[in-house]
Amino acid sequence: MQAPPRPKTIGHFINGAHDAPGDSGRFGDVYDPARGEVQARVAFADDATVDRAVRAARTALPGWSRTPLGKRSDVMFAMRELVKKHSLDLAKLVSSEHGKIVNDAEGEVARALEVIDFACALPHALKGQFSEGVSRNVDTYSIRQPVGVCAGITPFNFPMMVPAWMFAVAVAAGNTFILKPSERDPSASLLIADLFKQAGLPDGVFNVVHGDKVAVNALLTHPGIDAVSFVGSTPIARYIYETAAANGKRVQALGGAKNHMVVMPDADMGLAADAVVSAAYGSAGQRCMAISASVTVGDAAEPFLAAVKERIAKIKVGAGHDRSNDMGPVVTAQARARILDLIEQGVRAGATLAVDGRGLQVSGLDDGFFVGPTLFDRVTPEMSIYTEEIFGPVLVNLRAASLEDALGIIARNPYGNGTSIFTRSGAAAHKFQSDVEVGMVGINVPIPVPVGYYSFGGWKNSLFGDLHVYGEEGFRFYTRGKVVTSRWDEPAAGLNLGFPTHK
């Protein structure tokens, strides 16, 4: 009997070339989540591999950082066009390894393009300030210069969009960059590297190393790395921030979320239900900006939840490559097991399980990592289904007597990533946006991810560091300010008793 074909091996990208897997001898499995089968194995970098990437980035840094702004902008514009041209290729890669529906993955690529668009305006974003005549013959002005070699450590849930939040701005600002993508869905990062090379980016400016904690720790402690960006869970974000900062690096580390959507009694219940179902179950709930907790105020609960259940019943779950599906699997068997365990914890804690997704079966995909849309009602803040970031297709509903009570629930939650309110009242919306202790707010918008020329970031345990990603704050993170004070006095001309002339 012929042995089954061996899964392909995914290697690194260092100094402008696809790299051999290296000598670590360690690999990770990359699954097809819909089938539950291994489709590839990815090389895990060791310290020596990371060091080669850092040395390549350091070697490329002087030339790229001194490249004129117009030429850097040309590369970013070329990259923009190549990403647009290959958007479907990128989306299919993301869908095949993550599990999200191709349509959803195309949306991810489009949002990545927003940030690349913004980075194309780098000559404007890098302008300094100038004050003439601060003293006699003295001017003061500021300039912004690249930080150096930057590393991005990114999560599995957005393998195209989140890296673009980092590399687009970092490279545009004149830095060199090392991407450590999630080992669960690594292939999109290599296509990004190929497109950058086609766009004219010099070798060594953009590099990709794959791996687990070994590779992460090598990046956090390597003396050749100047700045680290991270998106992931709060415990890991705290670890990244503390370790990298202790090693003298600039750090931005975005953590977890428990995003609330407040539904007021005067809301359009159909609109609110459409919004929450899309935001809670899109990408199987594996979004850092997913709505995972609704808060119904007053008598909003019954009509809202009835409308939500009606819409859940219409969700079609299946493989990501089939555009007729609405929701795909979760990323791994371990993720599925954790989600199912948390659902069981919610049942044991006494929450009302209004829609149970545990028994979902997808025809022909019996081994896939599927969990059906799940809805809990009458959840209280001490239950684990509320305190834990489930990161799956599970929506929990809490009931509040008033807007003040709803704001109190959100304020007591340790996360502060995104939130939204659905209401017809301008006064309620204004109070909510002013008083809520969260970094990104939507008013009748369920997922308030800012456009590319603003910045993304939360409050409280959703962010470690001072600056958010992309937008103006992204350019501030990836550059260092320098203030110059200059004086140019007239040279002494000596005595001249002649009649003055203009010559």
Protein backbone atom coordinates (compact mmCIF):
# COMPACT_ATOMS: atom_id res chain seq x y z
CA MET A 1 0.00 0.00 0.00
CA GLN A 2 1.38 3.41 -0.99
CA ALA A 3 2.08 5.79 1.89
CA PRO A 4 0.11 9.05 1.92
CA PRO A 5 2.01 12.08 0.57
CA ARG A 6 4.09 13.90 3.12
CA PRO A 7 2.79 17.37 3.98
CA LYS A 8 4.69 20.26 2.42
CA THR A 9 7.15 22.16 4.58
CA ILE A 10 6.82 25.92 5.10
CA GLY A 11 10.16 27.65 5.69
CA HIS A 12 11.32 31.15 6.59
CA PHE A 13 12.03 34.21 4.41
CA ILE A 14 15.33 35.90 5.23
CA ASN A 15 17.34 38.50 3.32
CA GLY A 16 15.12 38.39 0.25
CA ALA A 17 15.05 34.60 -0.17
CA HIS A 18 12.94 31.66 0.89
CA ASP A 19 14.99 29.97 3.54
CA ALA A 20 15.60 26.32 4.28
CA PRO A 21 13.83 25.13 7.43
CA GLY A 22 17.03 25.46 9.43
CA ASP A 23 18.72 23.21 11.91
CA SER A 24 16.30 23.35 14.84
CA GLY A 25 14.66 20.09 13.75
CA ARG A 26 11.35 21.30 15.19
CA PHE A 27 8.15 21.76 13.21
CA GLY A 28 4.51 22.52 13.84
CA ASP A 29 1.43 21.14 12.12
CA VAL A 30 -0.71 23.41 9.96
CA TYR A 31 -4.26 22.10 9.70
CA ASP A 32 -7.15 22.32 7.30
CA PRO A 33 -9.66 23.21 10.06
CA ALA A 34 -12.69 22.15 8.02
CA ARG A 35 -11.35 18.61 7.55
CA GLY A 36 -9.31 18.30 10.70
CA GLU A 37 -6.33 17.17 8.64
CA VAL A 38 -2.69 18.27 8.60
CA GLN A 39 -2.02 20.03 5.30
CA ALA A 40 1.53 21.29 5.95
CA ARG A 41 4.24 21.55 8.53
CA VAL A 42 5.97 24.80 9.41
CA ALA A 43 9.58 25.11 10.50
CA PHE A 44 10.18 26.50 13.97
CA ALA A 45 13.10 28.92 14.15
CA ASP A 46 15.82 28.52 16.73
CA ASP A 47 18.06 31.27 18.12
CA ALA A 48 20.49 30.95 15.21
CA THR A 49 17.74 31.41 12.61
CA VAL A 50 16.39 34.48 14.40
CA ASP A 51 19.92 35.85 14.61
CA ARG A 52 20.37 35.47 10.85
CA ALA A 53 17.16 37.40 10.26
CA VAL A 54 18.22 40.15 12.66
CA ARG A 55 21.64 40.45 11.03
CA ALA A 56 20.02 40.70 7.60
CA ALA A 57 17.69 43.42 8.86
CA ARG A 58 20.53 45.35 10.51
CA THR A 59 22.61 45.17 7.36
CA ALA A 60 19.73 46.51 5.26
CA LEU A 61 18.82 49.27 7.75
CA PRO A 62 21.32 52.03 6.79
CA GLY A 63 20.47 51.90 3.11
CA TRP A 64 16.70 51.72 3.55
CA SER A 65 16.51 54.36 6.30
CA ARG A 66 18.42 56.80 4.04
CA THR A 67 16.35 56.03 0.96
CA PRO A 68 14.57 59.23 -0.13
CA LEU A 69 10.95 59.51 0.95
CA GLY A 70 9.71 59.56 -2.62
CA LYS A 71 11.44 56.28 -3.45
CA ARG A 72 10.11 54.64 -0.29
CA SER A 73 6.66 55.89 -1.24
CA ASP A 74 7.08 54.36 -4.72
CA VAL A 75 7.72 50.96 -3.13
CA MET A 76 4.65 51.26 -0.92
CA PHE A 77 2.46 52.26 -3.88
CA ALA A 78 3.77 49.27 -5.84
CA MET A 79 3.06 47.02 -2.86
CA ARG A 80 -0.46 48.42 -2.67
CA GLU A 81 -1.15 47.50 -6.28
CA LEU A 82 0.32 44.02 -5.88
CA VAL A 83 -1.77 43.30 -2.78
CA LYS A 84 -4.86 44.44 -4.66
CA LYS A 85 -3.94 42.20 -7.61
CA HIS A 86 -3.34 39.19 -5.36
CA SER A 87 -6.14 39.87 -2.86
CA LEU A 88 -8.01 36.69 -3.74
CA ASP A 89 -4.80 34.61 -3.51
CA LEU A 90 -4.17 36.03 -0.04
CA ALA A 91 -7.78 35.44 1.00
CA LYS A 92 -7.71 31.81 -0.14
CA LEU A 93 -4.49 31.18 1.80
CA VAL A 94 -5.99 32.71 4.93
CA SER A 95 -9.23 30.74 4.53
CA SER A 96 -7.46 27.43 3.95
CA GLU A 97 -5.38 27.63 7.16
CA HIS A 98 -7.60 29.71 9.45
CA GLY A 99 -10.98 28.32 8.41
CA LYS A 100 -12.85 31.60 7.90
CA ILE A 101 -15.06 31.97 4.85
CA VAL A 102 -13.24 33.32 1.76
CA ASN A 103 -15.58 36.33 1.65
CA ASP A 104 -14.57 37.18 5.22
CA ALA A 105 -10.89 36.74 4.37
CA GLU A 106 -11.30 39.12 1.41
CA GLY A 107 -12.63 41.70 3.87
CA GLU A 108 -9.51 41.19 5.98
CA VAL A 109 -7.30 41.87 2.97
CA ALA A 110 -9.32 45.01 2.18
CA ARG A 111 -8.79 46.34 5.69
CA ALA A 112 -5.07 45.59 5.40
CA LEU A 113 -5.03 47.64 2.21
CA GLU A 114 -6.44 50.63 4.12
CA VAL A 115 -3.29 50.72 6.24
CA ILE A 116 -1.01 50.23 3.22
CA ASP A 117 -2.89 53.12 1.55
CA PHE A 118 -2.18 55.32 4.56
CA ALA A 119 1.48 54.28 4.63
CA CYS A 120 1.85 55.42 1.01
CA ALA A 121 1.47 58.98 2.35
CA LEU A 122 4.69 58.61 4.32
CA PRO A 123 6.23 61.91 3.14
CA HIS A 124 3.37 63.76 4.80
CA ALA A 125 3.24 61.52 7.89
CA LEU A 126 6.96 62.02 8.57
CA LYS A 127 6.96 65.80 8.37
CA GLY A 128 8.42 67.60 11.37
CA GLN A 129 7.69 71.07 12.79
CA PHE A 130 9.56 74.36 12.48
CA SER A 131 9.60 77.47 14.68
CA GLU A 132 11.46 80.43 13.27
CA GLY A 133 13.05 83.02 15.48
CA VAL A 134 12.71 81.47 18.91
CA SER A 135 15.58 83.77 19.82
CA ARG A 136 17.75 86.20 17.85
CA ASN A 137 18.92 84.29 14.75
CA VAL A 138 17.84 81.00 16.40
CA ASP A 139 15.38 78.50 14.89
CA THR A 140 14.06 75.27 16.43
CA TYR A 141 12.66 72.36 14.50
CA SER A 142 11.82 68.70 14.96
CA ILE A 143 12.51 65.69 12.76
CA ARG A 144 11.43 62.06 13.01
CA GLN A 145 13.82 59.20 12.27
CA PRO A 146 13.39 55.41 12.11
CA VAL A 147 13.62 53.40 15.32
CA GLY A 148 15.71 50.67 13.68
CA VAL A 149 15.00 46.95 13.41
CA CYS A 150 11.40 46.19 14.38
CA ALA A 151 9.70 42.87 15.09
CA GLY A 152 6.02 42.04 14.77
CA ILE A 153 4.53 39.05 16.60
CA THR A 154 1.04 38.47 15.26
CA PRO A 155 -1.99 36.23 16.04
CA PHE A 156 -3.73 33.53 14.02
CA ASN A 157 -7.08 35.29 13.69
CA PHE A 158 -5.99 37.91 11.13
CA PRO A 159 -2.86 36.59 9.39
CA MET A 160 -2.99 39.33 6.73
CA MET A 161 -4.57 42.35 8.38
CA VAL A 162 -2.75 42.50 11.71
CA PRO A 163 0.75 42.10 10.21
CA ALA A 164 -0.13 44.93 7.79
CA TRP A 165 -0.99 47.16 10.75
CA MET A 166 2.67 46.82 11.70
CA PHE A 167 4.88 46.22 8.66
CA ALA A 168 3.22 48.82 6.40
CA VAL A 169 3.93 51.70 8.76
CA ALA A 170 7.26 50.40 10.04
CA VAL A 171 8.72 49.88 6.57
CA ALA A 172 7.29 53.15 5.24
CA ALA A 173 8.94 54.97 8.15
CA GLY A 174 12.36 53.65 7.13
CA ASN A 175 12.73 50.72 9.50
CA THR A 176 13.56 47.12 8.66
CA PHE A 177 11.13 44.47 9.87
CA ILE A 178 10.97 40.86 11.06
CA LEU A 179 7.54 39.24 11.13
CA LYS A 180 6.85 36.26 13.39
CA PRO A 181 3.36 35.20 12.27
CA SER A 182 1.20 32.62 14.01
CA GLU A 183 2.41 29.12 13.40
CA ARG A 184 -1.22 28.07 12.86
CA ASP A 185 -1.65 29.95 9.57
CA PRO A 186 1.78 31.04 8.32
CA SER A 187 1.48 30.96 4.52
CA ALA A 188 0.05 34.45 3.91
CA SER A 189 3.19 35.97 5.42
CA LEU A 190 5.37 34.38 2.74
CA LEU A 191 3.19 35.69 -0.08
CA ILE A 192 3.46 39.13 1.53
CA ALA A 193 7.26 38.76 1.46
CA ASP A 194 7.19 37.79 -2.21
CA LEU A 195 4.99 40.77 -3.09
CA PHE A 196 7.29 43.16 -1.22
CA LYS A 197 10.24 41.85 -3.22
CA GLN A 198 8.31 42.35 -6.47
CA ALA A 199 7.48 45.88 -5.32
CA GLY A 200 11.19 46.70 -5.21
CA LEU A 201 11.86 46.46 -1.48
CA PRO A 202 15.58 45.79 -0.93
CA ASP A 203 16.62 42.42 0.45
CA GLY A 204 16.70 42.24 4.24
CA VAL A 205 14.16 45.00 4.83
CA PHE A 206 11.29 42.53 5.34
CA ASN A 207 11.93 39.08 6.81
CA VAL A 208 9.73 36.25 8.10
CA VAL A 209 10.62 33.72 10.79
CA HIS A 210 8.18 31.08 11.99
CA GLY A 211 8.06 29.41 15.34
CA ASP A 212 6.83 29.16 18.89
CA LYS A 213 8.03 30.59 22.20
CA VAL A 214 11.66 29.88 21.32
CA ALA A 215 11.50 32.26 18.36
CA VAL A 216 9.48 34.81 20.33
CA ASN A 217 11.96 34.88 23.20
CA ALA A 218 14.86 35.20 20.77
CA LEU A 219 13.23 38.31 19.28
CA LEU A 220 12.39 39.80 22.67
CA THR A 221 15.92 39.46 23.99
CA HIS A 222 18.07 39.96 20.88
CA PRO A 223 20.21 43.10 21.21
CA GLY A 224 19.73 43.85 17.51
CA ILE A 225 15.96 44.40 17.86
CA ASP A 226 14.88 47.95 18.68
CA ALA A 227 11.08 47.74 18.84
CA VAL A 228 8.45 45.01 19.23
CA SER A 229 4.76 45.04 18.31
CA PHE A 230 2.37 42.32 19.42
CA VAL A 231 -1.31 41.39 19.21
CA GLY A 232 -2.68 38.43 21.18
CA SER A 233 -4.05 37.38 24.54
CA THR A 234 -3.61 39.53 27.64
CA PRO A 235 -1.31 37.14 29.57
CA ILE A 236 1.05 36.90 26.58
CA ALA A 237 0.80 40.65 25.90
CA ARG A 238 1.90 41.35 29.46
CA TYR A 239 4.79 38.90 29.09
CA ILE A 240 5.84 40.44 25.77
CA TYR A 241 5.73 43.95 27.23
CA GLU A 242 7.66 43.13 30.38
CA THR A 243 10.32 41.00 28.66
CA ALA A 244 10.96 43.29 25.71
CA ALA A 245 10.97 46.43 27.85
CA ALA A 246 13.39 44.82 30.28
CA ASN A 247 15.69 44.27 27.31
CA GLY A 248 15.60 47.95 26.34
CA LYS A 249 13.08 47.81 23.50
CA ARG A 250 10.18 50.04 22.59
CA VAL A 251 7.01 47.96 22.95
CA GLN A 252 3.35 48.05 21.99
CA ALA A 253 1.46 44.92 23.07
CA LEU A 254 -2.25 44.64 22.42
CA GLY A 255 -4.05 42.12 24.61
CA GLY A 256 -7.42 40.42 24.90
CA ALA A 257 -10.97 41.66 24.84
CA LYS A 258 -14.48 41.16 26.09
CA ASN A 259 -16.38 43.51 23.83
CA HIS A 260 -19.83 44.61 24.98
CA MET A 261 -22.74 45.78 22.85
CA VAL A 262 -25.35 47.73 24.81
CA VAL A 263 -28.89 47.52 23.44
CA MET A 264 -31.23 50.27 24.64
CA PRO A 265 -35.02 49.78 24.72
CA ASP A 266 -35.48 52.37 21.95
CA ALA A 267 -33.08 50.61 19.54
CA ASP A 268 -34.19 49.25 16.19
CA MET A 269 -34.24 45.60 17.28
CA GLY A 270 -33.89 44.24 13.76
CA LEU A 271 -30.84 46.40 13.12
CA ALA A 272 -29.33 45.51 16.50
CA ALA A 273 -29.94 41.79 16.00
CA ASP A 274 -28.40 41.83 12.53
CA ALA A 275 -25.40 43.64 13.95
CA VAL A 276 -24.78 41.42 16.94
CA VAL A 277 -25.18 38.16 15.02
CA SER A 278 -22.74 39.36 12.38
CA ALA A 279 -20.28 40.63 14.99
CA ALA A 280 -20.52 37.65 17.36
CA TYR A 281 -20.44 34.79 14.86
CA GLY A 282 -18.45 36.13 11.93
CA SER A 283 -15.14 34.26 11.65
CA ALA A 284 -16.59 31.85 14.25
CA GLY A 285 -16.12 34.54 16.89
CA GLN A 286 -12.34 34.50 16.45
CA ARG A 287 -11.93 38.26 16.25
CA CYS A 288 -10.39 40.49 18.88
CA MET A 289 -13.18 42.95 18.09
CA ALA A 290 -16.00 40.38 18.06
CA ILE A 291 -19.02 41.21 20.18
CA SER A 292 -18.91 38.48 22.80
CA ALA A 293 -21.25 40.07 25.37
CA SER A 294 -24.51 41.91 24.76
CA VAL A 295 -26.03 44.01 27.54
CA THR A 296 -29.77 44.53 27.20
CA VAL A 297 -31.15 47.53 29.08
CA GLY A 298 -34.62 47.60 30.62
CA ASP A 299 -37.21 45.73 28.58
CA ALA A 300 -34.96 45.37 25.51
CA ALA A 301 -34.02 41.75 26.29
CA GLU A 302 -37.05 39.83 25.07
CA PRO A 303 -37.54 41.43 21.63
CA PHE A 304 -33.80 41.62 21.03
CA LEU A 305 -33.09 37.99 21.91
CA ALA A 306 -36.07 36.76 19.93
CA ALA A 307 -34.70 38.54 16.86
CA VAL A 308 -31.20 37.16 17.53
CA LYS A 309 -32.44 33.56 17.77
CA GLU A 310 -34.38 33.97 14.55
CA ARG A 311 -31.21 35.04 12.75
CA ILE A 312 -28.97 32.37 14.31
CA ALA A 313 -31.25 29.71 12.89
CA LYS A 314 -30.39 30.90 9.38
CA ILE A 315 -26.60 30.74 9.75
CA LYS A 316 -25.04 28.18 7.41
CA VAL A 317 -21.88 26.60 8.79
CA GLY A 318 -19.32 24.82 6.62
CA ALA A 319 -15.94 24.92 4.94
CA GLY A 320 -14.34 28.29 4.29
CA HIS A 321 -13.79 27.81 0.58
CA ASP A 322 -17.57 27.61 -0.03
CA ARG A 323 -18.84 31.18 -0.35
CA SER A 324 -22.41 30.07 0.31
CA ASN A 325 -21.48 29.39 3.94
CA ASP A 326 -21.73 32.06 6.61
CA MET A 327 -19.40 30.65 9.26
CA GLY A 328 -16.47 28.25 9.22
CA PRO A 329 -14.72 26.10 11.82
CA VAL A 330 -12.50 27.27 14.65
CA VAL A 331 -8.78 27.06 14.05
CA THR A 332 -7.70 23.92 15.95
CA ALA A 333 -9.05 20.92 17.82
CA GLN A 334 -7.66 22.42 21.03
CA ALA A 335 -9.60 25.64 20.45
CA ARG A 336 -12.77 23.65 19.85
CA ALA A 337 -12.30 21.62 23.04
CA ARG A 338 -11.74 24.77 25.10
CA ILE A 339 -14.87 26.44 23.71
CA LEU A 340 -16.99 23.36 24.39
CA ASP A 341 -15.66 23.19 27.96
CA LEU A 342 -16.56 26.83 28.57
CA ILE A 343 -20.08 26.27 27.23
CA GLU A 344 -20.46 23.41 29.71
CA GLN A 345 -19.19 25.67 32.49
CA GLY A 346 -21.87 28.20 31.60
CA VAL A 347 -24.57 25.57 31.79
CA ARG A 348 -23.33 24.38 35.19
CA ALA A 349 -23.19 27.97 36.46
CA GLY A 350 -26.91 28.41 35.77
CA ALA A 351 -26.92 30.62 32.69
CA THR A 352 -29.79 30.05 30.26
CA LEU A 353 -28.53 28.24 27.18
CA ALA A 354 -30.87 29.75 24.58
CA VAL A 355 -29.06 28.28 21.54
CA ASP A 356 -26.74 25.28 21.89
CA GLY A 357 -24.07 24.87 19.20
CA ARG A 358 -22.31 21.86 20.69
CA GLY A 359 -24.02 19.20 18.62
CA LEU A 360 -23.34 20.70 15.21
CA GLN A 361 -22.44 18.24 12.46
CA VAL A 362 -21.32 19.35 9.00
CA SER A 363 -22.02 16.76 6.32
CA GLY A 364 -18.86 15.25 4.87
CA LEU A 365 -16.64 17.09 7.37
CA ASP A 366 -17.03 14.90 10.44
CA ASP A 367 -13.49 15.59 11.68
CA GLY A 368 -13.63 19.38 11.22
CA PHE A 369 -13.23 21.76 14.13
CA PHE A 370 -16.80 23.03 14.10
CA VAL A 371 -18.80 24.64 16.89
CA GLY A 372 -22.25 25.97 16.13
CA PRO A 373 -23.46 29.46 17.07
CA THR A 374 -24.23 29.48 20.79
CA LEU A 375 -26.27 31.97 22.82
CA PHE A 376 -26.52 32.38 26.59
CA ASP A 377 -28.96 34.62 28.45
CA ARG A 378 -29.16 35.73 32.09
CA VAL A 379 -25.39 35.63 32.44
CA THR A 380 -23.86 37.27 35.50
CA PRO A 381 -20.42 38.90 35.73
CA GLU A 382 -18.87 36.21 37.93
CA MET A 383 -19.54 33.36 35.46
CA SER A 384 -16.53 32.04 33.54
CA ILE A 385 -18.34 32.45 30.20
CA TYR A 386 -18.24 36.17 30.95
CA THR A 387 -14.86 36.51 32.62
CA GLU A 388 -12.98 34.39 30.05
CA GLU A 389 -12.20 35.48 26.51
CA ILE A 390 -13.85 32.50 24.80
CA PHE A 391 -12.71 33.37 21.26
CA GLY A 392 -15.39 31.25 19.66
CA PRO A 393 -18.98 31.51 18.39
CA VAL A 394 -20.48 32.13 21.82
CA LEU A 395 -22.53 35.24 22.67
CA VAL A 396 -23.50 35.89 26.30
CA ASN A 397 -26.27 38.29 27.27
CA LEU A 398 -26.36 40.24 30.53
CA ARG A 399 -29.37 42.26 31.65
CA ALA A 400 -29.09 45.77 33.05
CA ALA A 401 -31.77 47.99 34.56
CA SER A 402 -30.38 51.23 33.11
CA LEU A 403 -27.66 52.73 30.95
CA GLU A 404 -25.78 53.59 34.14
CA ASP A 405 -25.89 49.93 35.16
CA ALA A 406 -24.65 48.87 31.71
CA LEU A 407 -21.77 51.33 31.92
CA GLY A 408 -20.93 49.94 35.36
CA ILE A 409 -20.74 46.39 33.97
CA ILE A 410 -18.32 47.52 31.26
CA ALA A 411 -16.25 49.60 33.70
CA ARG A 412 -15.75 46.65 36.04
CA ASN A 413 -14.55 44.38 33.23
CA PRO A 414 -10.74 44.21 33.10
CA TYR A 415 -10.69 44.58 29.29
CA GLY A 416 -11.25 47.79 27.36
CA ASN A 417 -10.80 47.02 23.67
CA GLY A 418 -14.03 47.76 21.78
CA THR A 419 -17.66 48.46 22.64
CA SER A 420 -20.84 49.71 21.01
CA ILE A 421 -24.31 51.01 21.77
CA PHE A 422 -27.49 50.66 19.74
CA THR A 423 -30.01 53.41 20.38
CA ARG A 424 -32.08 56.11 18.74
CA SER A 425 -31.25 58.57 21.52
CA GLY A 426 -28.51 61.11 20.85
CA ALA A 427 -28.32 61.87 24.57
CA ALA A 428 -27.75 58.19 25.43
CA ALA A 429 -25.15 57.85 22.68
CA HIS A 430 -23.30 60.96 23.84
CA LYS A 431 -23.26 59.83 27.46
CA PHE A 432 -22.04 56.39 26.41
CA GLN A 433 -19.16 57.65 24.26
CA SER A 434 -18.10 60.08 27.00
CA ASP A 435 -18.33 57.76 30.01
CA VAL A 436 -17.43 54.29 28.73
CA GLU A 437 -13.90 53.18 29.70
CA VAL A 438 -12.96 51.58 26.39
CA GLY A 439 -10.57 52.60 23.62
CA MET A 440 -12.79 52.10 20.54
CA VAL A 441 -16.49 52.96 20.55
CA GLY A 442 -19.25 52.30 18.04
CA ILE A 443 -22.60 54.08 17.93
CA ASN A 444 -25.00 51.84 16.00
CA VAL A 445 -21.82 50.21 14.65
CA PRO A 446 -21.06 46.78 16.14
CA ILE A 447 -17.34 46.41 15.29
CA PRO A 448 -15.71 49.86 15.58
CA VAL A 449 -12.35 49.02 14.00
CA PRO A 450 -10.98 52.43 12.96
CA VAL A 451 -10.18 53.21 9.35
CA GLY A 452 -6.51 53.13 8.37
CA TYR A 453 -5.82 56.80 9.02
CA TYR A 454 -6.91 56.58 12.66
CA SER A 455 -5.33 54.20 15.19
CA PHE A 456 -6.38 50.87 16.75
CA GLY A 457 -5.96 50.19 20.45
CA GLY A 458 -7.76 49.57 23.71
CA TRP A 459 -7.60 50.56 27.36
CA LYS A 460 -6.95 48.69 30.59
CA ASN A 461 -5.75 45.08 30.09
CA SER A 462 -6.26 45.33 26.34
CA LEU A 463 -3.09 47.40 25.83
CA PHE A 464 0.39 47.40 27.32
CA GLY A 465 2.36 50.41 26.15
CA ASP A 466 1.52 53.99 25.28
CA LEU A 467 0.87 54.00 21.55
CA HIS A 468 -1.72 52.25 19.40
CA VAL A 469 -1.09 50.58 16.03
CA TYR A 470 -1.25 52.15 12.55
CA GLY A 471 -2.49 55.65 11.79
CA GLU A 472 -0.69 58.65 13.26
CA GLU A 473 0.23 56.77 16.45
CA GLY A 474 1.76 54.00 14.36
CA PHE A 475 4.17 56.46 12.75
CA ARG A 476 4.97 57.86 16.20
CA PHE A 477 5.76 54.37 17.50
CA TYR A 478 8.02 53.47 14.57
CA THR A 479 9.99 56.74 14.66
CA ARG A 480 12.01 58.67 17.22
CA GLY A 481 11.77 62.40 17.58
CA LYS A 482 14.76 64.69 17.44
CA VAL A 483 14.67 68.43 18.15
CA VAL A 484 17.30 70.69 16.58
CA THR A 485 18.08 74.22 17.74
CA SER A 486 20.26 76.16 15.30
CA ARG A 487 21.82 79.63 15.06
CA TRP A 488 23.39 81.17 11.98
CA ASP A 489 24.89 84.53 12.80
CA GLU A 490 26.07 87.03 10.18
CA PRO A 491 29.88 86.90 9.91
CA ALA A 492 31.66 89.91 11.32
CA ALA A 493 32.31 92.34 8.43
CA GLY A 494 34.59 94.79 10.24
CA LEU A 495 34.50 98.61 9.84
CA ASN A 496 33.39 100.16 6.57
CA LEU A 497 32.94 103.93 6.45
CA GLY A 498 31.87 103.95 2.85
CA PHE A 499 28.37 104.71 1.59
CA PRO A 500 26.30 101.50 1.89
CA THR A 501 25.21 99.84 -1.34
CA HIS A 502 23.12 96.78 -2.23
CA LYS A 503 26.09 94.91 -3.67
